[in-house]
Amino acid sequence: MVKIAPSTDPAKNFDDLLSYINEIRFAAHFLHVDVMNSNFVQKTNFDENFVAKINANTAMMLDVHLMVNEPDVLKYIEAGANIVTVHYEAFENKNKLKNALKLIREHKALAGLSIRPNTSVEEIASFLDYVDLVLVMSVVPGSSGQKFMEETYNKVSLLKDYIGKRPIQIEVDGGIVPEIAKNLKKCGADILVSGSYVYSSKDRVLAIKELMQN
């Protein structure tokens, strides 16, 4: 069964986010916490202190997606992140990227590596032994409500082939609705991030169930 991780990004403020979390916490598998500070994407929202505040108010597993150049991953682990995902493109020095992924694992969190739509699977092949999860962006990172990019299907299928028998999960983020979710599952996706679709639904629990459909 595919896992669903609703995103914090559409929430208007912290009170709205807490209300949202309380509504979805038993239906969703993770809370996808988007972190942006305007140096990797244009948008700015919050930092590790906000992650710690979220962690103090929920028992949900936190899937923290760092859209930040060369982030201090340890700060987010200390804040309560269960999964810490960094961007391949956010590290000019790829040895620093490798060290960040190792550090995440050393501190007993799951290490995630994310790629933008214009980054190929081949580029990250040599990093797969250092990760527990690959996050494939199906929209340009930094803004909620974009349309899903169709080429993502082939990218997920190719990534599945590269992973082989390694215990690495594939996560997809951006523009996902039930029909797209069904297709992504067929391609090999394990976790689907939902921002606008779940948040904007009148029945958010039902929306999560629709994304998990067989």
N, C-alpha and C. Protein backbone atom coordinates (compact mmCIF):
# COMPACT_ATOMS: atom_id res chain seq x y z
N MET A 1 0.85 -1.20 0.00
CA MET A 1 0.00 0.00 0.00
C MET A 1 0.88 1.24 0.00
N VAL A 2 0.57 2.18 -0.87
CA VAL A 2 1.31 3.43 -0.91
C VAL A 2 1.03 4.24 0.34
N LYS A 3 2.05 4.95 0.83
CA LYS A 3 1.91 5.79 2.02
C LYS A 3 1.66 7.23 1.59
N ILE A 4 0.90 7.95 2.41
CA ILE A 4 0.55 9.34 2.09
C ILE A 4 1.14 10.29 3.13
N ALA A 5 1.78 11.34 2.63
CA ALA A 5 2.40 12.34 3.51
C ALA A 5 1.87 13.73 3.15
N PRO A 6 0.79 14.19 3.80
CA PRO A 6 0.30 15.54 3.55
C PRO A 6 1.36 16.58 3.92
N SER A 7 1.41 17.64 3.14
CA SER A 7 2.42 18.67 3.32
C SER A 7 1.93 19.83 4.19
N THR A 8 2.87 20.42 4.91
CA THR A 8 2.57 21.60 5.73
C THR A 8 2.42 22.86 4.88
N ASP A 9 2.90 22.83 3.65
CA ASP A 9 3.04 24.06 2.86
C ASP A 9 1.76 24.87 2.68
N PRO A 10 0.58 24.25 2.45
CA PRO A 10 -0.60 25.09 2.23
C PRO A 10 -1.15 25.76 3.50
N ALA A 11 -0.74 25.30 4.68
CA ALA A 11 -1.31 25.84 5.93
C ALA A 11 -1.02 27.34 6.05
N LYS A 12 -2.01 28.08 6.54
CA LYS A 12 -1.91 29.54 6.58
C LYS A 12 -1.06 30.06 7.74
N ASN A 13 -1.09 29.36 8.86
CA ASN A 13 -0.33 29.77 10.04
C ASN A 13 -0.23 28.56 10.98
N PHE A 14 0.40 28.73 12.13
CA PHE A 14 0.63 27.58 13.00
C PHE A 14 -0.67 27.00 13.57
N ASP A 15 -1.60 27.86 13.94
CA ASP A 15 -2.89 27.35 14.47
C ASP A 15 -3.64 26.56 13.41
N ASP A 16 -3.61 27.06 12.19
CA ASP A 16 -4.24 26.36 11.07
C ASP A 16 -3.56 25.01 10.85
N LEU A 17 -2.23 25.00 10.95
CA LEU A 17 -1.47 23.76 10.77
C LEU A 17 -1.82 22.74 11.85
N LEU A 18 -1.92 23.18 13.10
CA LEU A 18 -2.26 22.26 14.18
C LEU A 18 -3.65 21.66 13.99
N SER A 19 -4.58 22.49 13.55
CA SER A 19 -5.93 22.00 13.28
C SER A 19 -5.90 20.96 12.15
N TYR A 20 -5.11 21.23 11.13
CA TYR A 20 -4.94 20.33 9.99
C TYR A 20 -4.34 19.00 10.44
N ILE A 21 -3.30 19.07 11.25
CA ILE A 21 -2.64 17.86 11.76
C ILE A 21 -3.62 17.01 12.56
N ASN A 22 -4.39 17.65 13.42
CA ASN A 22 -5.36 16.91 14.25
C ASN A 22 -6.41 16.20 13.40
N GLU A 23 -6.72 16.80 12.26
CA GLU A 23 -7.74 16.23 11.38
C GLU A 23 -7.21 15.01 10.61
N ILE A 24 -5.94 15.03 10.24
CA ILE A 24 -5.40 13.99 9.36
C ILE A 24 -4.50 12.97 10.05
N ARG A 25 -4.19 13.18 11.32
CA ARG A 25 -3.10 12.42 11.96
C ARG A 25 -3.30 10.92 11.97
N PHE A 26 -4.54 10.44 12.04
CA PHE A 26 -4.77 9.00 12.06
C PHE A 26 -4.93 8.40 10.66
N ALA A 27 -5.08 9.26 9.66
CA ALA A 27 -5.27 8.79 8.29
C ALA A 27 -3.97 8.78 7.50
N ALA A 28 -3.09 9.73 7.77
CA ALA A 28 -1.84 9.87 7.03
C ALA A 28 -0.71 9.09 7.70
N HIS A 29 0.31 8.78 6.93
CA HIS A 29 1.46 8.02 7.44
C HIS A 29 2.55 8.93 7.99
N PHE A 30 2.77 10.06 7.33
CA PHE A 30 3.78 11.03 7.76
C PHE A 30 3.21 12.44 7.58
N LEU A 31 3.85 13.40 8.24
CA LEU A 31 3.61 14.81 7.95
C LEU A 31 4.83 15.30 7.18
N HIS A 32 4.61 15.76 5.95
CA HIS A 32 5.70 16.24 5.11
C HIS A 32 5.93 17.71 5.43
N VAL A 33 7.06 17.99 6.07
CA VAL A 33 7.35 19.36 6.53
C VAL A 33 8.29 20.04 5.54
N ASP A 34 7.75 20.97 4.77
CA ASP A 34 8.56 21.70 3.80
C ASP A 34 9.28 22.85 4.47
N VAL A 35 10.60 22.90 4.31
CA VAL A 35 11.42 23.97 4.89
C VAL A 35 12.09 24.73 3.76
N MET A 36 11.86 26.04 3.72
CA MET A 36 12.44 26.89 2.67
C MET A 36 12.98 28.17 3.30
N ASN A 37 14.16 28.61 2.86
CA ASN A 37 14.72 29.84 3.45
C ASN A 37 15.23 30.82 2.41
N SER A 38 14.72 30.72 1.20
CA SER A 38 14.96 31.65 0.08
C SER A 38 16.35 31.55 -0.55
N ASN A 39 17.21 30.62 -0.09
CA ASN A 39 18.51 30.51 -0.75
C ASN A 39 18.59 29.34 -1.72
N PHE A 40 17.56 28.49 -1.76
CA PHE A 40 17.48 27.41 -2.76
C PHE A 40 16.24 27.58 -3.63
N VAL A 41 15.15 27.95 -2.98
CA VAL A 41 13.93 28.37 -3.68
C VAL A 41 13.60 29.78 -3.20
N GLN A 42 12.75 30.48 -3.92
CA GLN A 42 12.48 31.89 -3.58
C GLN A 42 11.71 32.05 -2.28
N LYS A 43 10.84 31.10 -2.00
CA LYS A 43 9.96 31.22 -0.84
C LYS A 43 10.72 31.02 0.48
N THR A 44 10.25 31.67 1.53
CA THR A 44 10.77 31.46 2.88
C THR A 44 9.61 31.11 3.79
N ASN A 45 9.77 30.06 4.60
CA ASN A 45 8.72 29.80 5.59
C ASN A 45 9.27 29.66 6.99
N PHE A 46 9.97 28.59 7.32
CA PHE A 46 10.45 28.45 8.69
C PHE A 46 11.71 27.61 8.78
N ASP A 47 12.21 27.46 10.02
CA ASP A 47 13.48 26.77 10.23
C ASP A 47 13.32 25.62 11.22
N GLU A 48 14.44 25.17 11.80
CA GLU A 48 14.41 24.03 12.73
C GLU A 48 13.60 24.31 13.99
N ASN A 49 13.50 25.57 14.39
CA ASN A 49 12.71 25.91 15.59
C ASN A 49 11.23 25.64 15.36
N PHE A 50 10.79 25.90 14.15
CA PHE A 50 9.39 25.62 13.82
C PHE A 50 9.14 24.12 13.74
N VAL A 51 10.12 23.38 13.22
CA VAL A 51 10.01 21.92 13.18
C VAL A 51 9.89 21.37 14.60
N ALA A 52 10.70 21.91 15.52
CA ALA A 52 10.64 21.48 16.92
C ALA A 52 9.27 21.80 17.53
N LYS A 53 8.70 22.93 17.14
CA LYS A 53 7.38 23.33 17.64
C LYS A 53 6.30 22.37 17.13
N ILE A 54 6.40 21.98 15.88
CA ILE A 54 5.48 20.99 15.32
C ILE A 54 5.63 19.67 16.06
N ASN A 55 6.88 19.25 16.24
CA ASN A 55 7.16 17.97 16.90
C ASN A 55 6.61 17.93 18.32
N ALA A 56 6.62 19.06 19.00
CA ALA A 56 6.12 19.14 20.37
C ALA A 56 4.60 19.04 20.44
N ASN A 57 3.94 19.21 19.29
CA ASN A 57 2.48 19.24 19.28
C ASN A 57 1.84 18.08 18.51
N THR A 58 2.64 17.10 18.10
CA THR A 58 2.07 15.94 17.41
C THR A 58 2.95 14.72 17.59
N ALA A 59 2.32 13.56 17.51
CA ALA A 59 3.08 12.30 17.55
C ALA A 59 3.32 11.75 16.14
N MET A 60 2.89 12.49 15.12
CA MET A 60 3.11 12.05 13.74
C MET A 60 4.59 12.00 13.41
N MET A 61 4.98 11.05 12.57
CA MET A 61 6.35 11.03 12.06
C MET A 61 6.56 12.23 11.15
N LEU A 62 7.69 12.89 11.31
CA LEU A 62 7.97 14.09 10.53
C LEU A 62 8.95 13.78 9.39
N ASP A 63 8.46 14.02 8.19
CA ASP A 63 9.20 13.81 6.95
C ASP A 63 9.65 15.20 6.51
N VAL A 64 10.87 15.59 6.89
CA VAL A 64 11.32 16.98 6.71
C VAL A 64 12.11 17.14 5.41
N HIS A 65 11.58 17.97 4.55
CA HIS A 65 12.13 18.21 3.21
C HIS A 65 12.82 19.57 3.20
N LEU A 66 14.16 19.55 3.14
CA LEU A 66 14.95 20.78 3.24
C LEU A 66 15.25 21.34 1.85
N MET A 67 14.52 22.37 1.47
CA MET A 67 14.78 23.09 0.23
C MET A 67 15.70 24.26 0.57
N VAL A 68 16.92 23.88 0.98
CA VAL A 68 17.89 24.81 1.56
C VAL A 68 19.28 24.43 1.05
N ASN A 69 20.09 25.42 0.72
CA ASN A 69 21.46 25.13 0.30
C ASN A 69 22.31 24.67 1.47
N GLU A 70 22.96 23.52 1.32
CA GLU A 70 23.87 22.95 2.31
C GLU A 70 23.35 23.11 3.75
N PRO A 71 22.19 22.54 4.05
CA PRO A 71 21.59 22.71 5.38
C PRO A 71 22.39 22.01 6.48
N ASP A 72 22.23 22.50 7.71
CA ASP A 72 22.78 21.84 8.89
C ASP A 72 21.78 20.76 9.29
N VAL A 73 21.97 19.56 8.80
CA VAL A 73 20.98 18.50 8.99
C VAL A 73 20.81 18.10 10.45
N LEU A 74 21.87 18.23 11.23
CA LEU A 74 21.81 17.83 12.64
C LEU A 74 20.78 18.65 13.41
N LYS A 75 20.64 19.93 13.06
CA LYS A 75 19.65 20.79 13.74
C LYS A 75 18.24 20.24 13.56
N TYR A 76 17.95 19.70 12.40
CA TYR A 76 16.60 19.20 12.12
C TYR A 76 16.36 17.85 12.78
N ILE A 77 17.40 17.05 12.89
CA ILE A 77 17.27 15.79 13.63
C ILE A 77 17.00 16.07 15.10
N GLU A 78 17.74 17.02 15.65
CA GLU A 78 17.54 17.41 17.05
C GLU A 78 16.15 18.02 17.26
N ALA A 79 15.60 18.61 16.21
CA ALA A 79 14.26 19.21 16.31
C ALA A 79 13.15 18.17 16.24
N GLY A 80 13.50 16.93 15.88
CA GLY A 80 12.49 15.87 15.87
C GLY A 80 12.20 15.23 14.53
N ALA A 81 12.99 15.54 13.51
CA ALA A 81 12.76 14.95 12.19
C ALA A 81 13.04 13.45 12.22
N ASN A 82 12.13 12.68 11.66
CA ASN A 82 12.34 11.23 11.51
C ASN A 82 12.97 10.89 10.16
N ILE A 83 12.61 11.68 9.15
CA ILE A 83 13.21 11.59 7.82
C ILE A 83 13.76 12.97 7.50
N VAL A 84 15.01 13.04 7.06
CA VAL A 84 15.60 14.32 6.64
C VAL A 84 16.00 14.17 5.18
N THR A 85 15.37 14.96 4.33
CA THR A 85 15.64 14.90 2.89
C THR A 85 16.32 16.18 2.44
N VAL A 86 17.47 16.02 1.81
CA VAL A 86 18.20 17.16 1.26
C VAL A 86 18.17 17.08 -0.27
N HIS A 87 18.42 18.22 -0.90
CA HIS A 87 18.41 18.26 -2.37
C HIS A 87 19.79 18.01 -2.95
N TYR A 88 19.83 17.17 -3.95
CA TYR A 88 21.08 16.91 -4.69
C TYR A 88 21.67 18.21 -5.22
N GLU A 89 20.82 19.09 -5.73
CA GLU A 89 21.27 20.32 -6.36
C GLU A 89 21.72 21.37 -5.35
N ALA A 90 21.41 21.17 -4.07
CA ALA A 90 21.72 22.16 -3.03
C ALA A 90 23.16 22.07 -2.53
N PHE A 91 23.90 21.09 -3.05
CA PHE A 91 25.29 20.90 -2.65
C PHE A 91 26.19 21.00 -3.87
N GLU A 92 26.95 22.08 -3.94
CA GLU A 92 27.91 22.23 -5.05
C GLU A 92 29.02 21.19 -4.90
N ASN A 93 29.45 20.98 -3.67
CA ASN A 93 30.46 19.97 -3.37
C ASN A 93 29.75 18.67 -3.01
N LYS A 94 29.83 17.67 -3.88
CA LYS A 94 29.07 16.44 -3.66
C LYS A 94 29.64 15.58 -2.52
N ASN A 95 30.88 15.83 -2.13
CA ASN A 95 31.40 15.15 -0.94
C ASN A 95 30.68 15.63 0.32
N LYS A 96 30.33 16.92 0.33
CA LYS A 96 29.55 17.46 1.46
C LYS A 96 28.16 16.83 1.49
N LEU A 97 27.60 16.59 0.32
CA LEU A 97 26.30 15.92 0.24
C LEU A 97 26.39 14.52 0.83
N LYS A 98 27.41 13.79 0.42
CA LYS A 98 27.60 12.43 0.92
C LYS A 98 27.77 12.43 2.44
N ASN A 99 28.53 13.39 2.95
CA ASN A 99 28.74 13.49 4.40
C ASN A 99 27.45 13.82 5.13
N ALA A 100 26.62 14.67 4.53
CA ALA A 100 25.34 15.02 5.14
C ALA A 100 24.43 13.80 5.24
N LEU A 101 24.39 13.00 4.18
CA LEU A 101 23.58 11.78 4.17
C LEU A 101 24.08 10.79 5.22
N LYS A 102 25.39 10.66 5.33
CA LYS A 102 25.97 9.77 6.35
C LYS A 102 25.62 10.26 7.75
N LEU A 103 25.69 11.57 7.96
CA LEU A 103 25.40 12.14 9.28
C LEU A 103 23.96 11.89 9.70
N ILE A 104 23.04 12.01 8.76
CA ILE A 104 21.63 11.75 9.04
C ILE A 104 21.46 10.32 9.55
N ARG A 105 22.05 9.38 8.85
CA ARG A 105 21.93 7.97 9.24
C ARG A 105 22.62 7.69 10.57
N GLU A 106 23.77 8.31 10.80
CA GLU A 106 24.49 8.11 12.05
C GLU A 106 23.66 8.53 13.26
N HIS A 107 22.77 9.48 13.05
CA HIS A 107 21.92 9.97 14.13
C HIS A 107 20.53 9.33 14.11
N LYS A 108 20.44 8.17 13.47
CA LYS A 108 19.26 7.30 13.53
C LYS A 108 18.01 7.88 12.88
N ALA A 109 18.19 8.81 11.95
CA ALA A 109 17.07 9.27 11.12
C ALA A 109 17.23 8.63 9.74
N LEU A 110 16.16 8.66 8.95
CA LEU A 110 16.23 8.16 7.58
C LEU A 110 16.76 9.26 6.67
N ALA A 111 17.68 8.90 5.79
CA ALA A 111 18.30 9.87 4.89
C ALA A 111 17.59 9.89 3.55
N GLY A 112 17.12 11.07 3.16
CA GLY A 112 16.44 11.23 1.88
C GLY A 112 17.23 12.14 0.95
N LEU A 113 17.15 11.84 -0.35
CA LEU A 113 17.79 12.67 -1.37
C LEU A 113 16.74 13.06 -2.38
N SER A 114 16.59 14.36 -2.59
CA SER A 114 15.57 14.86 -3.52
C SER A 114 16.20 15.38 -4.80
N ILE A 115 15.46 15.23 -5.90
CA ILE A 115 15.92 15.77 -7.18
C ILE A 115 14.82 16.61 -7.83
N ARG A 116 15.26 17.72 -8.42
CA ARG A 116 14.36 18.60 -9.18
C ARG A 116 13.92 17.89 -10.47
N PRO A 117 12.88 18.40 -11.12
CA PRO A 117 12.42 17.79 -12.37
C PRO A 117 13.50 17.73 -13.46
N ASN A 118 14.43 18.69 -13.47
CA ASN A 118 15.43 18.71 -14.54
C ASN A 118 16.72 17.95 -14.18
N THR A 119 16.72 17.25 -13.06
CA THR A 119 17.88 16.43 -12.67
C THR A 119 17.57 14.97 -13.02
N SER A 120 18.50 14.32 -13.69
CA SER A 120 18.27 12.94 -14.13
C SER A 120 18.55 11.95 -13.01
N VAL A 121 17.93 10.79 -13.13
CA VAL A 121 18.18 9.70 -12.18
C VAL A 121 19.63 9.26 -12.25
N GLU A 122 20.20 9.26 -13.45
CA GLU A 122 21.60 8.84 -13.63
C GLU A 122 22.56 9.65 -12.77
N GLU A 123 22.25 10.93 -12.57
CA GLU A 123 23.14 11.80 -11.79
C GLU A 123 23.27 11.37 -10.33
N ILE A 124 22.23 10.74 -9.78
CA ILE A 124 22.27 10.38 -8.36
C ILE A 124 22.57 8.90 -8.14
N ALA A 125 22.85 8.17 -9.20
CA ALA A 125 23.06 6.72 -9.08
C ALA A 125 24.14 6.37 -8.06
N SER A 126 25.21 7.14 -8.02
CA SER A 126 26.32 6.82 -7.12
C SER A 126 26.01 7.14 -5.66
N PHE A 127 24.88 7.80 -5.40
CA PHE A 127 24.51 8.15 -4.03
C PHE A 127 23.49 7.19 -3.41
N LEU A 128 23.01 6.26 -4.19
CA LEU A 128 21.92 5.40 -3.71
C LEU A 128 22.31 4.52 -2.52
N ASP A 129 23.58 4.22 -2.38
CA ASP A 129 24.01 3.40 -1.24
C ASP A 129 24.02 4.19 0.07
N TYR A 130 23.77 5.50 0.00
CA TYR A 130 23.82 6.36 1.19
C TYR A 130 22.43 6.84 1.61
N VAL A 131 21.39 6.37 0.93
CA VAL A 131 20.05 6.90 1.20
C VAL A 131 19.05 5.80 1.55
N ASP A 132 18.00 6.22 2.24
CA ASP A 132 16.86 5.34 2.55
C ASP A 132 15.66 5.69 1.69
N LEU A 133 15.71 6.87 1.07
CA LEU A 133 14.56 7.39 0.33
C LEU A 133 15.05 8.34 -0.75
N VAL A 134 14.39 8.29 -1.91
CA VAL A 134 14.63 9.29 -2.95
C VAL A 134 13.31 10.02 -3.21
N LEU A 135 13.35 11.33 -3.10
CA LEU A 135 12.18 12.17 -3.34
C LEU A 135 12.26 12.77 -4.74
N VAL A 136 11.36 12.34 -5.60
CA VAL A 136 11.30 12.84 -6.97
C VAL A 136 10.29 13.99 -7.02
N MET A 137 10.78 15.17 -7.35
CA MET A 137 9.88 16.32 -7.48
C MET A 137 9.18 16.27 -8.83
N SER A 138 7.85 16.28 -8.81
CA SER A 138 7.07 16.25 -10.04
C SER A 138 6.54 17.64 -10.39
N VAL A 139 7.02 18.64 -9.66
CA VAL A 139 6.79 20.06 -9.96
C VAL A 139 8.10 20.78 -9.61
N VAL A 140 8.21 22.03 -9.99
CA VAL A 140 9.37 22.82 -9.60
C VAL A 140 9.25 23.13 -8.11
N PRO A 141 10.24 22.80 -7.28
CA PRO A 141 10.11 23.00 -5.84
C PRO A 141 9.97 24.46 -5.45
N GLY A 142 9.15 24.67 -4.40
CA GLY A 142 9.03 26.01 -3.84
C GLY A 142 7.65 26.62 -3.85
N SER A 143 6.68 25.96 -4.50
CA SER A 143 5.34 26.54 -4.58
C SER A 143 4.29 25.45 -4.66
N SER A 144 3.27 25.54 -3.82
CA SER A 144 2.19 24.56 -3.80
C SER A 144 1.18 24.85 -4.92
N GLY A 145 0.50 23.79 -5.41
CA GLY A 145 -0.59 23.96 -6.36
C GLY A 145 -0.21 23.88 -7.82
N GLN A 146 1.02 23.43 -8.15
CA GLN A 146 1.45 23.31 -9.54
C GLN A 146 0.91 22.03 -10.18
N LYS A 147 0.96 22.00 -11.52
CA LYS A 147 0.49 20.83 -12.27
C LYS A 147 1.58 19.76 -12.33
N PHE A 148 1.17 18.52 -12.16
CA PHE A 148 2.05 17.36 -12.22
C PHE A 148 2.72 17.24 -13.59
N MET A 149 4.03 16.97 -13.60
CA MET A 149 4.77 16.81 -14.85
C MET A 149 4.74 15.33 -15.27
N GLU A 150 4.20 15.05 -16.44
CA GLU A 150 3.98 13.69 -16.92
C GLU A 150 5.26 12.86 -17.04
N GLU A 151 6.38 13.52 -17.31
CA GLU A 151 7.64 12.79 -17.46
C GLU A 151 8.09 12.12 -16.15
N THR A 152 7.43 12.47 -15.05
CA THR A 152 7.77 11.88 -13.75
C THR A 152 7.54 10.37 -13.76
N TYR A 153 6.55 9.89 -14.49
CA TYR A 153 6.27 8.45 -14.52
C TYR A 153 7.50 7.66 -14.97
N ASN A 154 8.09 8.08 -16.08
CA ASN A 154 9.28 7.39 -16.59
C ASN A 154 10.44 7.49 -15.62
N LYS A 155 10.53 8.64 -14.97
CA LYS A 155 11.63 8.87 -14.02
C LYS A 155 11.52 7.91 -12.83
N VAL A 156 10.30 7.72 -12.33
CA VAL A 156 10.08 6.82 -11.20
C VAL A 156 10.38 5.37 -11.61
N SER A 157 9.94 4.99 -12.80
CA SER A 157 10.20 3.63 -13.29
C SER A 157 11.70 3.37 -13.44
N LEU A 158 12.41 4.36 -13.98
CA LEU A 158 13.85 4.23 -14.15
C LEU A 158 14.55 4.15 -12.80
N LEU A 159 14.11 4.98 -11.87
CA LEU A 159 14.69 4.96 -10.52
C LEU A 159 14.48 3.61 -9.85
N LYS A 160 13.31 3.04 -10.06
CA LYS A 160 13.01 1.72 -9.50
C LYS A 160 14.02 0.69 -10.02
N ASP A 161 14.36 0.78 -11.30
CA ASP A 161 15.34 -0.13 -11.89
C ASP A 161 16.73 0.08 -11.28
N TYR A 162 17.11 1.33 -11.09
CA TYR A 162 18.42 1.64 -10.51
C TYR A 162 18.51 1.14 -9.07
N ILE A 163 17.42 1.26 -8.33
CA ILE A 163 17.41 0.83 -6.92
C ILE A 163 17.56 -0.68 -6.81
N GLY A 164 16.91 -1.41 -7.69
CA GLY A 164 16.99 -2.86 -7.66
C GLY A 164 16.44 -3.41 -6.35
N LYS A 165 17.23 -4.25 -5.68
CA LYS A 165 16.77 -4.89 -4.44
C LYS A 165 17.14 -4.11 -3.18
N ARG A 166 17.73 -2.94 -3.35
CA ARG A 166 18.09 -2.14 -2.17
C ARG A 166 16.82 -1.61 -1.47
N PRO A 167 16.82 -1.56 -0.15
CA PRO A 167 15.62 -1.12 0.59
C PRO A 167 15.46 0.40 0.60
N ILE A 168 15.28 0.95 -0.57
CA ILE A 168 15.12 2.39 -0.73
C ILE A 168 13.71 2.70 -1.19
N GLN A 169 13.05 3.62 -0.50
CA GLN A 169 11.68 3.99 -0.88
C GLN A 169 11.71 5.17 -1.86
N ILE A 170 10.73 5.18 -2.75
CA ILE A 170 10.58 6.27 -3.70
C ILE A 170 9.39 7.14 -3.28
N GLU A 171 9.65 8.42 -3.12
CA GLU A 171 8.62 9.39 -2.74
C GLU A 171 8.44 10.36 -3.90
N VAL A 172 7.21 10.79 -4.14
CA VAL A 172 6.93 11.74 -5.22
C VAL A 172 6.13 12.90 -4.66
N ASP A 173 6.50 14.11 -5.09
CA ASP A 173 5.90 15.32 -4.52
C ASP A 173 5.53 16.30 -5.62
N GLY A 174 4.22 16.64 -5.69
CA GLY A 174 3.80 17.71 -6.58
C GLY A 174 2.65 17.38 -7.52
N GLY A 175 1.51 18.05 -7.32
CA GLY A 175 0.40 17.94 -8.25
C GLY A 175 -0.30 16.60 -8.27
N ILE A 176 -0.26 15.85 -7.17
CA ILE A 176 -0.80 14.49 -7.17
C ILE A 176 -2.28 14.46 -6.80
N VAL A 177 -3.06 13.83 -7.66
CA VAL A 177 -4.49 13.58 -7.46
C VAL A 177 -4.70 12.07 -7.60
N PRO A 178 -5.89 11.54 -7.27
CA PRO A 178 -6.06 10.08 -7.26
C PRO A 178 -5.64 9.32 -8.51
N GLU A 179 -5.98 9.80 -9.70
CA GLU A 179 -5.62 9.09 -10.92
C GLU A 179 -4.10 9.04 -11.10
N ILE A 180 -3.44 10.15 -10.81
CA ILE A 180 -1.98 10.20 -10.88
C ILE A 180 -1.37 9.29 -9.82
N ALA A 181 -1.97 9.28 -8.64
CA ALA A 181 -1.49 8.41 -7.56
C ALA A 181 -1.51 6.95 -7.99
N LYS A 182 -2.59 6.54 -8.65
CA LYS A 182 -2.73 5.16 -9.13
C LYS A 182 -1.62 4.82 -10.13
N ASN A 183 -1.33 5.74 -11.04
CA ASN A 183 -0.29 5.52 -12.03
C ASN A 183 1.10 5.47 -11.40
N LEU A 184 1.34 6.33 -10.41
CA LEU A 184 2.63 6.35 -9.74
C LEU A 184 2.89 5.07 -8.97
N LYS A 185 1.84 4.52 -8.38
CA LYS A 185 1.98 3.23 -7.67
C LYS A 185 2.40 2.14 -8.65
N LYS A 186 1.83 2.14 -9.83
CA LYS A 186 2.19 1.15 -10.86
C LYS A 186 3.65 1.30 -11.29
N CYS A 187 4.16 2.53 -11.25
CA CYS A 187 5.55 2.78 -11.63
C CYS A 187 6.54 2.41 -10.53
N GLY A 188 6.02 2.25 -9.30
CA GLY A 188 6.91 1.86 -8.21
C GLY A 188 7.04 2.84 -7.06
N ALA A 189 6.21 3.89 -7.03
CA ALA A 189 6.28 4.85 -5.93
C ALA A 189 5.78 4.23 -4.63
N ASP A 190 6.42 4.60 -3.53
CA ASP A 190 6.07 4.08 -2.20
C ASP A 190 5.37 5.12 -1.33
N ILE A 191 5.74 6.39 -1.49
CA ILE A 191 5.20 7.48 -0.67
C ILE A 191 4.78 8.62 -1.59
N LEU A 192 3.58 9.16 -1.36
CA LEU A 192 3.10 10.29 -2.15
C LEU A 192 2.85 11.48 -1.24
N VAL A 193 3.43 12.60 -1.61
CA VAL A 193 3.23 13.85 -0.86
C VAL A 193 2.04 14.58 -1.46
N SER A 194 1.17 15.08 -0.60
CA SER A 194 0.03 15.85 -1.09
C SER A 194 -0.05 17.19 -0.36
N GLY A 195 -0.03 18.26 -1.14
CA GLY A 195 -0.20 19.59 -0.57
C GLY A 195 -1.63 20.05 -0.76
N SER A 196 -1.90 20.64 -1.91
CA SER A 196 -3.20 21.27 -2.18
C SER A 196 -4.36 20.28 -2.21
N TYR A 197 -4.15 19.08 -2.77
CA TYR A 197 -5.27 18.16 -2.95
C TYR A 197 -5.93 17.80 -1.62
N VAL A 198 -5.14 17.38 -0.64
CA VAL A 198 -5.71 17.01 0.66
C VAL A 198 -6.15 18.25 1.42
N TYR A 199 -5.31 19.26 1.46
CA TYR A 199 -5.61 20.45 2.26
C TYR A 199 -6.90 21.14 1.79
N SER A 200 -7.12 21.18 0.48
CA SER A 200 -8.28 21.90 -0.08
C SER A 200 -9.56 21.08 -0.09
N SER A 201 -9.47 19.79 0.26
CA SER A 201 -10.65 18.91 0.22
C SER A 201 -11.59 19.17 1.39
N LYS A 202 -12.88 19.05 1.13
CA LYS A 202 -13.86 19.21 2.21
C LYS A 202 -13.72 18.10 3.24
N ASP A 203 -13.47 16.89 2.76
CA ASP A 203 -13.23 15.74 3.64
C ASP A 203 -11.79 15.30 3.43
N ARG A 204 -10.91 15.76 4.29
CA ARG A 204 -9.48 15.52 4.11
C ARG A 204 -9.10 14.06 4.35
N VAL A 205 -9.77 13.41 5.27
CA VAL A 205 -9.50 11.99 5.53
C VAL A 205 -9.88 11.16 4.31
N LEU A 206 -11.04 11.46 3.72
CA LEU A 206 -11.47 10.78 2.51
C LEU A 206 -10.48 11.03 1.37
N ALA A 207 -9.97 12.24 1.26
CA ALA A 207 -9.01 12.57 0.21
C ALA A 207 -7.75 11.72 0.34
N ILE A 208 -7.30 11.50 1.57
CA ILE A 208 -6.12 10.65 1.80
C ILE A 208 -6.44 9.22 1.37
N LYS A 209 -7.61 8.73 1.73
CA LYS A 209 -8.02 7.37 1.33
C LYS A 209 -8.09 7.23 -0.17
N GLU A 210 -8.54 8.27 -0.86
CA GLU A 210 -8.62 8.25 -2.32
C GLU A 210 -7.24 8.13 -2.95
N LEU A 211 -6.25 8.79 -2.34
CA LEU A 211 -4.88 8.71 -2.85
C LEU A 211 -4.26 7.34 -2.59
N MET A 212 -4.75 6.63 -1.60
CA MET A 212 -4.23 5.31 -1.26
C MET A 212 -4.93 4.20 -2.02
N GLN A 213 -5.86 4.54 -2.88
CA GLN A 213 -6.68 3.54 -3.56
C GLN A 213 -5.81 2.53 -4.30
N ASN A 214 -6.36 1.29 -4.46
CA ASN A 214 -5.61 0.23 -5.14
C ASN A 214 -5.61 0.46 -6.66
